[in-house]
Amino acid sequence: MRIIVNGRNIEITDAIKAYTKEKIGKVLTHYDQIQLIEVVLSVIKNPSVSESHTAEVICKMTSGSIKLEETAETMYAAIDLLADKLLRQVEKHKSKTIKGSKASIRTDVAEEEA
């Protein structure tokens, strides 16, 4: 499993990269079917924009993908919001796939017994 961190209009420092991998990496403990997580951090350099820091993530799994985006006043806040949102979406996706697979197993077993 890989976590790729890229930047648009921002230089990705080691501190931001480590923080992103730490926060986004917590998702891996909740679902083991994740193959790739790509994070894109960007900044709008316009002083009139209050929430100028944006964090986007594309999480590719064996059974689909999730794409999310969050904006905040600081990059660290955007990463925190994104990590929380991603965790909720991955848990939702996991529960859907588990419910779907259990339903098909039960119907297959019931057909074999009959």
N, C-alpha and C. Protein backbone atom coordinates (compact mmCIF):
# COMPACT_ATOMS: atom_id res chain seq x y z
N MET A 1 0.84 -1.17 0.00
CA MET A 1 0.00 0.00 0.00
C MET A 1 0.89 1.24 0.00
N ARG A 2 0.56 2.18 -0.86
CA ARG A 2 1.37 3.39 -0.98
C ARG A 2 0.52 4.62 -0.71
N ILE A 3 1.18 5.62 -0.13
CA ILE A 3 0.58 6.94 0.03
C ILE A 3 1.47 7.91 -0.74
N ILE A 4 0.88 8.58 -1.73
CA ILE A 4 1.62 9.53 -2.56
C ILE A 4 1.12 10.93 -2.21
N VAL A 5 2.05 11.84 -1.92
CA VAL A 5 1.71 13.21 -1.57
C VAL A 5 2.30 14.13 -2.63
N ASN A 6 1.44 14.90 -3.31
CA ASN A 6 1.85 15.86 -4.33
C ASN A 6 1.37 17.25 -3.93
N GLY A 7 1.95 18.27 -4.56
CA GLY A 7 1.55 19.63 -4.25
C GLY A 7 1.34 20.46 -5.49
N ARG A 8 0.39 21.39 -5.40
CA ARG A 8 0.12 22.37 -6.45
C ARG A 8 0.27 23.75 -5.83
N ASN A 9 1.12 24.58 -6.39
CA ASN A 9 1.39 25.93 -5.88
C ASN A 9 1.94 25.92 -4.46
N ILE A 10 2.54 24.83 -4.06
CA ILE A 10 3.12 24.72 -2.72
C ILE A 10 4.28 23.75 -2.78
N GLU A 11 5.30 24.05 -2.01
CA GLU A 11 6.43 23.13 -1.89
C GLU A 11 6.13 22.18 -0.73
N ILE A 12 6.15 20.91 -1.01
CA ILE A 12 5.85 19.90 0.01
C ILE A 12 7.11 19.69 0.85
N THR A 13 7.05 20.12 2.10
CA THR A 13 8.17 19.93 3.01
C THR A 13 8.09 18.54 3.64
N ASP A 14 9.17 18.16 4.27
CA ASP A 14 9.18 16.85 4.94
C ASP A 14 8.17 16.80 6.08
N ALA A 15 7.99 17.93 6.77
CA ALA A 15 7.04 17.97 7.89
C ALA A 15 5.61 17.77 7.41
N ILE A 16 5.23 18.44 6.33
CA ILE A 16 3.87 18.29 5.80
C ILE A 16 3.67 16.88 5.26
N LYS A 17 4.68 16.35 4.60
CA LYS A 17 4.58 14.99 4.05
C LYS A 17 4.43 13.96 5.16
N ALA A 18 5.21 14.09 6.22
CA ALA A 18 5.13 13.15 7.34
C ALA A 18 3.78 13.28 8.05
N TYR A 19 3.31 14.50 8.24
CA TYR A 19 2.02 14.72 8.89
C TYR A 19 0.89 14.11 8.07
N THR A 20 0.94 14.30 6.76
CA THR A 20 -0.09 13.76 5.89
C THR A 20 -0.09 12.24 5.93
N LYS A 21 1.09 11.64 5.84
CA LYS A 21 1.17 10.18 5.86
C LYS A 21 0.71 9.62 7.20
N GLU A 22 0.99 10.33 8.28
CA GLU A 22 0.56 9.88 9.61
C GLU A 22 -0.96 9.91 9.73
N LYS A 23 -1.57 11.03 9.34
CA LYS A 23 -3.02 11.18 9.47
C LYS A 23 -3.79 10.28 8.51
N ILE A 24 -3.39 10.27 7.25
CA ILE A 24 -4.10 9.48 6.25
C ILE A 24 -3.81 7.99 6.44
N GLY A 25 -2.63 7.66 6.95
CA GLY A 25 -2.25 6.27 7.17
C GLY A 25 -3.09 5.56 8.21
N LYS A 26 -3.76 6.31 9.08
CA LYS A 26 -4.62 5.69 10.09
C LYS A 26 -5.80 4.96 9.47
N VAL A 27 -6.15 5.32 8.26
CA VAL A 27 -7.26 4.67 7.55
C VAL A 27 -6.91 3.20 7.27
N LEU A 28 -5.63 2.92 7.08
CA LEU A 28 -5.21 1.56 6.73
C LEU A 28 -5.52 0.55 7.83
N THR A 29 -5.60 1.00 9.07
CA THR A 29 -5.90 0.08 10.16
C THR A 29 -7.37 -0.34 10.16
N HIS A 30 -8.20 0.41 9.45
CA HIS A 30 -9.64 0.11 9.44
C HIS A 30 -10.08 -0.74 8.26
N TYR A 31 -9.31 -0.74 7.18
CA TYR A 31 -9.71 -1.49 5.99
C TYR A 31 -8.46 -1.93 5.24
N ASP A 32 -8.34 -3.23 4.99
CA ASP A 32 -7.11 -3.77 4.40
C ASP A 32 -7.16 -3.91 2.88
N GLN A 33 -8.25 -3.52 2.24
CA GLN A 33 -8.37 -3.64 0.80
C GLN A 33 -7.93 -2.39 0.03
N ILE A 34 -7.31 -1.45 0.72
CA ILE A 34 -6.84 -0.21 0.09
C ILE A 34 -5.53 -0.49 -0.63
N GLN A 35 -5.47 -0.09 -1.90
CA GLN A 35 -4.27 -0.33 -2.71
C GLN A 35 -3.40 0.90 -2.83
N LEU A 36 -4.02 2.09 -2.97
CA LEU A 36 -3.26 3.32 -3.21
C LEU A 36 -4.04 4.51 -2.68
N ILE A 37 -3.32 5.42 -2.02
CA ILE A 37 -3.91 6.68 -1.59
C ILE A 37 -3.05 7.79 -2.18
N GLU A 38 -3.68 8.66 -2.95
CA GLU A 38 -2.97 9.79 -3.55
C GLU A 38 -3.54 11.08 -2.97
N VAL A 39 -2.68 11.90 -2.37
CA VAL A 39 -3.08 13.15 -1.74
C VAL A 39 -2.48 14.30 -2.54
N VAL A 40 -3.32 15.29 -2.87
CA VAL A 40 -2.87 16.49 -3.58
C VAL A 40 -3.16 17.69 -2.69
N LEU A 41 -2.12 18.42 -2.32
CA LEU A 41 -2.25 19.60 -1.48
C LEU A 41 -2.05 20.82 -2.36
N SER A 42 -2.94 21.81 -2.25
CA SER A 42 -2.83 23.00 -3.09
C SER A 42 -3.16 24.25 -2.28
N VAL A 43 -2.65 25.38 -2.77
CA VAL A 43 -2.86 26.67 -2.12
C VAL A 43 -3.31 27.67 -3.16
N ILE A 44 -4.32 28.47 -2.83
CA ILE A 44 -4.75 29.59 -3.67
C ILE A 44 -4.06 30.82 -3.11
N LYS A 45 -3.23 31.44 -3.91
CA LYS A 45 -2.43 32.56 -3.42
C LYS A 45 -3.11 33.90 -3.66
N ASN A 46 -4.37 33.98 -3.30
CA ASN A 46 -5.14 35.21 -3.41
C ASN A 46 -5.48 35.66 -1.99
N PRO A 47 -5.05 36.85 -1.57
CA PRO A 47 -5.29 37.26 -0.19
C PRO A 47 -6.76 37.45 0.18
N SER A 48 -7.64 37.60 -0.78
CA SER A 48 -9.05 37.79 -0.47
C SER A 48 -9.78 36.47 -0.18
N VAL A 49 -9.15 35.35 -0.45
CA VAL A 49 -9.75 34.04 -0.19
C VAL A 49 -9.37 33.62 1.23
N SER A 50 -10.38 33.40 2.09
CA SER A 50 -10.08 33.08 3.49
C SER A 50 -9.63 31.62 3.65
N GLU A 51 -10.32 30.71 3.01
CA GLU A 51 -9.95 29.29 3.10
C GLU A 51 -9.18 28.93 1.83
N SER A 52 -7.89 29.18 1.85
CA SER A 52 -7.09 29.05 0.64
C SER A 52 -6.33 27.74 0.53
N HIS A 53 -6.32 26.93 1.58
CA HIS A 53 -5.59 25.67 1.54
C HIS A 53 -6.56 24.53 1.26
N THR A 54 -6.24 23.73 0.26
CA THR A 54 -7.11 22.64 -0.16
C THR A 54 -6.34 21.32 -0.13
N ALA A 55 -6.99 20.29 0.37
CA ALA A 55 -6.42 18.94 0.37
C ALA A 55 -7.41 18.02 -0.33
N GLU A 56 -6.92 17.27 -1.31
CA GLU A 56 -7.74 16.32 -2.05
C GLU A 56 -7.14 14.93 -1.88
N VAL A 57 -7.98 13.92 -1.89
CA VAL A 57 -7.50 12.55 -1.78
C VAL A 57 -8.26 11.66 -2.75
N ILE A 58 -7.53 10.73 -3.34
CA ILE A 58 -8.13 9.67 -4.15
C ILE A 58 -7.67 8.36 -3.51
N CYS A 59 -8.61 7.60 -3.02
CA CYS A 59 -8.33 6.33 -2.33
C CYS A 59 -8.81 5.20 -3.24
N LYS A 60 -7.87 4.44 -3.77
CA LYS A 60 -8.22 3.34 -4.68
C LYS A 60 -8.20 2.03 -3.90
N MET A 61 -9.34 1.33 -4.00
CA MET A 61 -9.50 0.06 -3.31
C MET A 61 -9.79 -1.03 -4.34
N THR A 62 -9.81 -2.27 -3.89
CA THR A 62 -10.07 -3.37 -4.81
C THR A 62 -11.49 -3.31 -5.37
N SER A 63 -12.42 -2.72 -4.63
CA SER A 63 -13.82 -2.72 -5.07
C SER A 63 -14.32 -1.32 -5.43
N GLY A 64 -13.43 -0.39 -5.75
CA GLY A 64 -13.86 0.95 -6.13
C GLY A 64 -12.87 2.00 -5.68
N SER A 65 -13.30 3.25 -5.73
CA SER A 65 -12.43 4.34 -5.28
C SER A 65 -13.26 5.43 -4.63
N ILE A 66 -12.59 6.24 -3.81
CA ILE A 66 -13.23 7.34 -3.11
C ILE A 66 -12.42 8.59 -3.42
N LYS A 67 -13.11 9.67 -3.78
CA LYS A 67 -12.44 10.95 -4.03
C LYS A 67 -13.08 12.00 -3.13
N LEU A 68 -12.24 12.69 -2.34
CA LEU A 68 -12.72 13.69 -1.40
C LEU A 68 -11.88 14.95 -1.50
N GLU A 69 -12.46 16.07 -1.03
CA GLU A 69 -11.76 17.35 -1.04
C GLU A 69 -12.19 18.16 0.18
N GLU A 70 -11.24 18.83 0.80
CA GLU A 70 -11.51 19.70 1.94
C GLU A 70 -10.70 20.97 1.83
N THR A 71 -11.27 22.09 2.30
CA THR A 71 -10.56 23.35 2.32
C THR A 71 -10.58 23.91 3.74
N ALA A 72 -9.54 24.65 4.10
CA ALA A 72 -9.45 25.26 5.43
C ALA A 72 -8.49 26.44 5.38
N GLU A 73 -8.35 27.11 6.51
CA GLU A 73 -7.47 28.26 6.58
C GLU A 73 -6.00 27.87 6.59
N THR A 74 -5.68 26.71 7.19
CA THR A 74 -4.29 26.23 7.21
C THR A 74 -4.24 24.85 6.57
N MET A 75 -3.06 24.47 6.12
CA MET A 75 -2.90 23.17 5.47
C MET A 75 -3.11 22.03 6.46
N TYR A 76 -2.63 22.21 7.69
CA TYR A 76 -2.79 21.16 8.69
C TYR A 76 -4.26 20.93 9.04
N ALA A 77 -5.05 22.00 9.10
CA ALA A 77 -6.48 21.86 9.37
C ALA A 77 -7.18 21.14 8.21
N ALA A 78 -6.79 21.47 6.99
CA ALA A 78 -7.38 20.81 5.82
C ALA A 78 -7.06 19.32 5.82
N ILE A 79 -5.83 18.97 6.20
CA ILE A 79 -5.44 17.56 6.25
C ILE A 79 -6.22 16.84 7.33
N ASP A 80 -6.40 17.47 8.50
CA ASP A 80 -7.18 16.85 9.58
C ASP A 80 -8.63 16.59 9.16
N LEU A 81 -9.25 17.60 8.54
CA LEU A 81 -10.63 17.44 8.08
C LEU A 81 -10.74 16.34 7.03
N LEU A 82 -9.77 16.30 6.14
CA LEU A 82 -9.78 15.29 5.09
C LEU A 82 -9.60 13.89 5.65
N ALA A 83 -8.72 13.74 6.63
CA ALA A 83 -8.49 12.42 7.23
C ALA A 83 -9.75 11.91 7.92
N ASP A 84 -10.46 12.80 8.63
CA ASP A 84 -11.70 12.39 9.29
C ASP A 84 -12.77 11.99 8.28
N LYS A 85 -12.89 12.77 7.23
CA LYS A 85 -13.88 12.50 6.19
C LYS A 85 -13.56 11.19 5.47
N LEU A 86 -12.29 10.97 5.17
CA LEU A 86 -11.88 9.73 4.50
C LEU A 86 -12.16 8.51 5.37
N LEU A 87 -11.89 8.62 6.65
CA LEU A 87 -12.13 7.50 7.56
C LEU A 87 -13.62 7.14 7.58
N ARG A 88 -14.49 8.14 7.63
CA ARG A 88 -15.93 7.87 7.62
C ARG A 88 -16.36 7.21 6.31
N GLN A 89 -15.85 7.70 5.19
CA GLN A 89 -16.23 7.14 3.89
C GLN A 89 -15.71 5.71 3.71
N VAL A 90 -14.50 5.43 4.18
CA VAL A 90 -13.94 4.08 4.06
C VAL A 90 -14.74 3.11 4.93
N GLU A 91 -15.10 3.52 6.15
CA GLU A 91 -15.91 2.65 7.00
C GLU A 91 -17.28 2.40 6.38
N LYS A 92 -17.86 3.41 5.75
CA LYS A 92 -19.14 3.25 5.06
C LYS A 92 -19.01 2.28 3.89
N HIS A 93 -17.95 2.42 3.12
CA HIS A 93 -17.71 1.54 1.98
C HIS A 93 -17.47 0.10 2.46
N LYS A 94 -16.73 -0.04 3.55
CA LYS A 94 -16.44 -1.36 4.10
C LYS A 94 -17.72 -2.05 4.56
N SER A 95 -18.59 -1.32 5.24
CA SER A 95 -19.83 -1.93 5.71
C SER A 95 -20.73 -2.34 4.55
N LYS A 96 -20.72 -1.55 3.47
CA LYS A 96 -21.52 -1.92 2.30
C LYS A 96 -20.99 -3.19 1.64
N THR A 97 -19.67 -3.31 1.51
CA THR A 97 -19.12 -4.49 0.85
C THR A 97 -19.27 -5.72 1.72
N ILE A 98 -19.17 -5.56 3.03
CA ILE A 98 -19.34 -6.71 3.92
C ILE A 98 -20.79 -7.17 3.91
N LYS A 99 -21.74 -6.25 3.96
CA LYS A 99 -23.16 -6.62 3.91
C LYS A 99 -23.49 -7.31 2.60
N GLY A 100 -22.96 -6.79 1.50
CA GLY A 100 -23.22 -7.38 0.20
C GLY A 100 -22.63 -8.77 0.07
N SER A 101 -21.44 -8.98 0.61
CA SER A 101 -20.81 -10.30 0.49
C SER A 101 -21.48 -11.32 1.40
N LYS A 102 -21.91 -10.91 2.60
CA LYS A 102 -22.58 -11.85 3.49
C LYS A 102 -23.92 -12.29 2.93
N ALA A 103 -24.64 -11.38 2.31
CA ALA A 103 -25.94 -11.73 1.74
C ALA A 103 -25.77 -12.76 0.63
N SER A 104 -24.74 -12.64 -0.20
CA SER A 104 -24.55 -13.59 -1.28
C SER A 104 -24.07 -14.94 -0.76
N ILE A 105 -23.28 -14.95 0.31
CA ILE A 105 -22.81 -16.22 0.87
C ILE A 105 -23.99 -16.97 1.48
N ARG A 106 -24.85 -16.30 2.18
CA ARG A 106 -26.00 -16.96 2.80
C ARG A 106 -26.94 -17.55 1.75
N THR A 107 -27.16 -16.83 0.68
CA THR A 107 -28.06 -17.36 -0.35
C THR A 107 -27.41 -18.54 -1.05
N ASP A 108 -26.08 -18.52 -1.25
CA ASP A 108 -25.41 -19.66 -1.87
C ASP A 108 -25.46 -20.88 -0.99
N VAL A 109 -25.28 -20.72 0.32
CA VAL A 109 -25.33 -21.83 1.27
C VAL A 109 -26.73 -22.39 1.35
N ALA A 110 -27.73 -21.52 1.36
CA ALA A 110 -29.12 -21.97 1.44
C ALA A 110 -29.50 -22.76 0.18
N GLU A 111 -29.01 -22.36 -0.97
CA GLU A 111 -29.30 -23.08 -2.20
C GLU A 111 -28.64 -24.45 -2.23
N GLU A 112 -27.40 -24.54 -1.69
CA GLU A 112 -26.71 -25.83 -1.66
C GLU A 112 -27.40 -26.81 -0.71
N GLU A 113 -27.90 -26.30 0.43
CA GLU A 113 -28.56 -27.18 1.40
C GLU A 113 -29.90 -27.68 0.86
N ALA A 114 -30.56 -26.88 0.05
CA ALA A 114 -31.87 -27.26 -0.48
C ALA A 114 -31.66 -28.29 -1.56
